[in-house]
């Protein structure tokens, strides 16, 4: 999937764009609006970015986990090379230490990420501070033309770039989940 970013200062226009995209077959789960004005976005019934995803928790947690994996390798490799695993205690204390280190590093990375804006949205910081809204759509390659057809009818939208999108399986799962919730 590809992610297309647009900027706009008109939420009414974004609401129309979202409705047109949904009418063309692009699901709500593929469409998001990032804004500093969450109440206005909600009032226009737009699919906003959850506050959790505005922070860099996931990316920083992954970096923390990578550091944890390195420490796990060092602990387990060091214990083996120094012969400490051949003692009566064996591997168990080192495996336990490795698990604790991996968990702590992942947690600490995520904790630090709470304090940072999401890496995918940092480039839009100045636009958000100016009061603009970031409209982005995750599309499959075969949906690219549908997106272009709708966007060309909305000159207020400014192209702000492209990026990597959420994996297809996540979008599909979210779509099924929201359909299930509507039936309840």
Protein backbone atom coordinates (compact mmCIF):
# COMPACT_ATOMS: atom_id res chain seq x y z
CA UNK A 1 0.00 0.00 0.00
CA UNK A 2 1.06 3.59 -0.60
CA UNK A 3 0.24 6.59 1.58
CA UNK A 4 -0.58 9.92 -0.03
CA UNK A 5 -0.43 13.09 2.10
CA UNK A 6 -2.32 16.31 1.42
CA UNK A 7 -2.66 19.56 3.35
CA UNK A 8 -5.77 21.67 3.67
CA UNK A 9 -7.26 24.30 5.93
CA UNK A 10 -10.87 23.48 5.04
CA UNK A 11 -12.49 20.66 7.02
CA UNK A 12 -15.74 20.94 5.03
CA UNK A 13 -13.79 20.12 1.86
CA UNK A 14 -12.03 17.24 3.60
CA UNK A 15 -15.37 15.84 4.71
CA UNK A 16 -16.56 15.91 1.09
CA UNK A 17 -13.33 14.27 -0.11
CA UNK A 18 -13.70 11.50 2.46
CA UNK A 19 -17.30 10.84 1.42
CA UNK A 20 -16.35 10.73 -2.26
CA UNK A 21 -13.46 8.35 -1.59
CA UNK A 22 -15.73 6.05 0.41
CA UNK A 23 -18.30 6.13 -2.40
CA UNK A 24 -15.53 5.02 -4.81
CA UNK A 25 -14.73 2.00 -2.60
CA UNK A 26 -11.87 3.25 -0.43
CA UNK A 27 -12.71 2.23 3.12
CA UNK A 28 -12.82 4.58 6.10
CA UNK A 29 -9.90 2.73 7.66
CA UNK A 30 -7.70 3.89 4.78
CA UNK A 31 -8.49 7.58 5.32
CA UNK A 32 -7.18 9.76 8.17
CA UNK A 33 -6.97 13.40 9.18
CA UNK A 34 -4.15 14.62 11.38
CA UNK A 35 -4.91 17.93 13.05
CA UNK A 36 -4.27 19.96 16.17
CA UNK A 37 -8.02 20.72 16.22
CA UNK A 38 -9.38 17.30 17.21
CA UNK A 39 -12.80 18.64 18.26
CA UNK A 40 -13.34 20.26 14.85
CA UNK A 41 -12.28 17.06 13.07
CA UNK A 42 -14.72 15.03 15.17
CA UNK A 43 -17.52 17.54 14.54
CA UNK A 44 -17.05 17.01 10.80
CA UNK A 45 -17.23 13.21 11.26
CA UNK A 46 -13.77 12.69 9.80
CA UNK A 47 -11.63 9.69 10.64
CA UNK A 48 -8.95 11.26 12.83
CA UNK A 49 -5.60 9.86 13.88
CA UNK A 50 -5.86 8.36 17.39
CA UNK A 51 -3.82 10.30 19.94
CA UNK A 52 -1.75 7.17 20.61
CA UNK A 53 -0.60 7.13 16.99
CA UNK A 54 0.35 10.81 17.07
CA UNK A 55 3.19 9.83 19.38
CA UNK A 56 6.23 7.76 18.45
CA UNK A 57 5.50 4.91 20.88
CA UNK A 58 5.57 2.09 18.32
CA UNK A 59 8.68 3.21 16.41
CA UNK A 60 10.63 4.02 19.59
CA UNK A 61 9.49 0.73 21.15
CA UNK A 62 10.85 -1.11 18.11
CA UNK A 63 14.18 0.70 18.47
CA UNK A 64 14.22 -0.20 22.17
CA UNK A 65 13.52 -3.83 21.27
CA UNK A 66 16.44 -3.79 18.82
CA UNK A 67 18.73 -2.53 21.59
CA UNK A 68 17.28 -5.26 23.82
CA UNK A 69 18.08 -7.96 21.24
CA UNK A 70 21.69 -6.78 21.12
CA UNK A 71 21.87 -6.95 24.92
CA UNK A 72 20.30 -10.42 24.89
CA UNK A 73 22.95 -11.62 22.46
CA UNK A 74 25.69 -10.08 24.61
CA UNK A 75 24.36 -11.62 27.84
CA UNK A 76 23.75 -15.10 26.44
CA UNK A 77 26.90 -15.10 24.31
CA UNK A 78 29.02 -13.70 27.13
CA UNK A 79 27.68 -16.23 29.64
CA UNK A 80 28.43 -19.08 27.24
CA UNK A 81 31.90 -17.85 26.28
CA UNK A 82 32.89 -17.28 29.92
CA UNK A 83 31.69 -20.76 30.84
CA UNK A 84 29.12 -19.52 33.36
CA UNK A 85 26.43 -21.71 31.81
CA UNK A 86 28.43 -24.83 32.73
CA UNK A 87 27.93 -24.15 36.46
CA UNK A 88 25.17 -25.67 38.59
CA UNK A 89 22.89 -22.72 37.79
CA UNK A 90 23.06 -23.47 34.06
CA UNK A 91 21.30 -21.28 31.51
CA UNK A 92 18.25 -20.26 33.56
CA UNK A 93 19.56 -17.09 35.27
CA UNK A 94 20.95 -15.81 31.98
CA UNK A 95 17.78 -16.57 30.06
CA UNK A 96 15.77 -14.80 32.76
CA UNK A 97 18.14 -11.81 32.64
CA UNK A 98 17.88 -11.73 28.84
CA UNK A 99 14.06 -11.69 28.99
CA UNK A 100 14.09 -8.90 31.57
CA UNK A 101 16.56 -6.85 29.50
CA UNK A 102 14.52 -7.26 26.32
CA UNK A 103 11.29 -6.29 28.07
CA UNK A 104 12.87 -3.32 29.83
CA UNK A 105 14.49 -1.95 26.67
CA UNK A 106 11.24 -2.28 24.72
CA UNK A 107 9.28 -0.58 27.51
CA UNK A 108 11.84 2.19 27.88
CA UNK A 109 11.87 2.81 24.13
CA UNK A 110 8.08 3.11 24.09
CA UNK A 111 8.16 5.33 27.17
CA UNK A 112 10.59 7.69 25.46
CA UNK A 113 8.42 7.58 22.33
CA UNK A 114 5.44 8.99 24.25
CA UNK A 115 7.37 12.24 24.45
CA UNK A 116 8.09 12.46 20.70
CA UNK A 117 5.83 13.08 17.71
CA UNK A 118 5.38 10.15 15.35
CA UNK A 119 8.30 9.91 12.92
CA UNK A 120 5.89 9.77 9.96
CA UNK A 121 4.30 13.10 10.96
CA UNK A 122 7.32 15.17 12.06
CA UNK A 123 7.69 16.75 8.64
CA UNK A 124 4.19 18.23 8.99
CA UNK A 125 4.86 19.97 12.32
CA UNK A 126 4.98 23.47 10.75
CA UNK A 127 1.76 22.84 8.77
CA UNK A 128 -0.03 21.75 11.94
CA UNK A 129 1.23 24.78 13.85
CA UNK A 130 -0.15 27.01 11.06
CA UNK A 131 -3.60 25.49 11.69
CA UNK A 132 -3.65 23.27 8.63
CA UNK A 133 -4.89 19.70 8.55
CA UNK A 134 -3.00 16.74 7.11
CA UNK A 135 -5.24 14.44 5.10
CA UNK A 136 -3.72 11.09 4.18
CA UNK A 137 -4.99 8.04 2.38
CA UNK A 138 -3.52 4.53 2.26
CA UNK A 139 -4.30 2.98 -1.12
CA UNK A 140 -3.63 -0.24 -2.92
CA UNK A 141 -1.90 0.17 -6.33
CA UNK A 142 -5.20 -0.51 -8.12
CA UNK A 143 -6.90 2.29 -6.10
CA UNK A 144 -4.41 4.99 -7.17
CA UNK A 145 -6.56 6.14 -10.11
CA UNK A 146 -9.67 6.37 -7.90
CA UNK A 147 -7.77 8.62 -5.50
CA UNK A 148 -6.51 10.84 -8.32
CA UNK A 149 -10.04 11.15 -9.78
CA UNK A 150 -11.39 12.46 -6.49
CA UNK A 151 -8.43 14.68 -5.58
CA UNK A 152 -8.45 16.51 -8.94
CA UNK A 153 -11.93 17.88 -8.11
CA UNK A 154 -10.62 19.52 -4.92
CA UNK A 155 -8.11 22.26 -5.74
CA UNK A 156 -7.85 23.33 -2.09
CA UNK A 157 -5.96 20.12 -1.32
CA UNK A 158 -2.21 20.52 -1.68
CA UNK A 159 -0.05 17.47 -2.33
CA UNK A 160 2.33 17.04 0.60
CA UNK A 161 4.12 13.85 -0.45
CA UNK A 162 3.93 10.10 -0.18
CA UNK A 163 5.16 7.51 2.25
CA UNK A 164 4.82 3.95 3.40
CA UNK A 165 1.34 2.94 4.49
CA UNK A 166 -0.03 0.62 7.12
CA UNK A 167 0.26 -3.01 6.04
CA UNK A 168 -2.73 -4.33 4.08
CA UNK A 169 -3.54 -6.94 6.73
CA UNK A 170 -3.90 -4.27 9.43
CA UNK A 171 -6.26 -2.17 7.32
CA UNK A 172 -8.30 -5.27 6.40
CA UNK A 173 -8.49 -6.36 10.04
CA UNK A 174 -9.61 -2.88 11.15
CA UNK A 175 -12.25 -2.84 8.41
CA UNK A 176 -13.65 -6.21 9.53
CA UNK A 177 -13.53 -5.12 13.19
CA UNK A 178 -15.53 -1.94 12.49
CA UNK A 179 -18.07 -3.89 10.45
CA UNK A 180 -18.43 -6.36 13.33
CA UNK A 181 -18.94 -3.53 15.84
CA UNK A 182 -21.70 -2.03 13.67
CA UNK A 183 -23.63 -5.33 13.76
CA UNK A 184 -23.64 -5.45 17.53
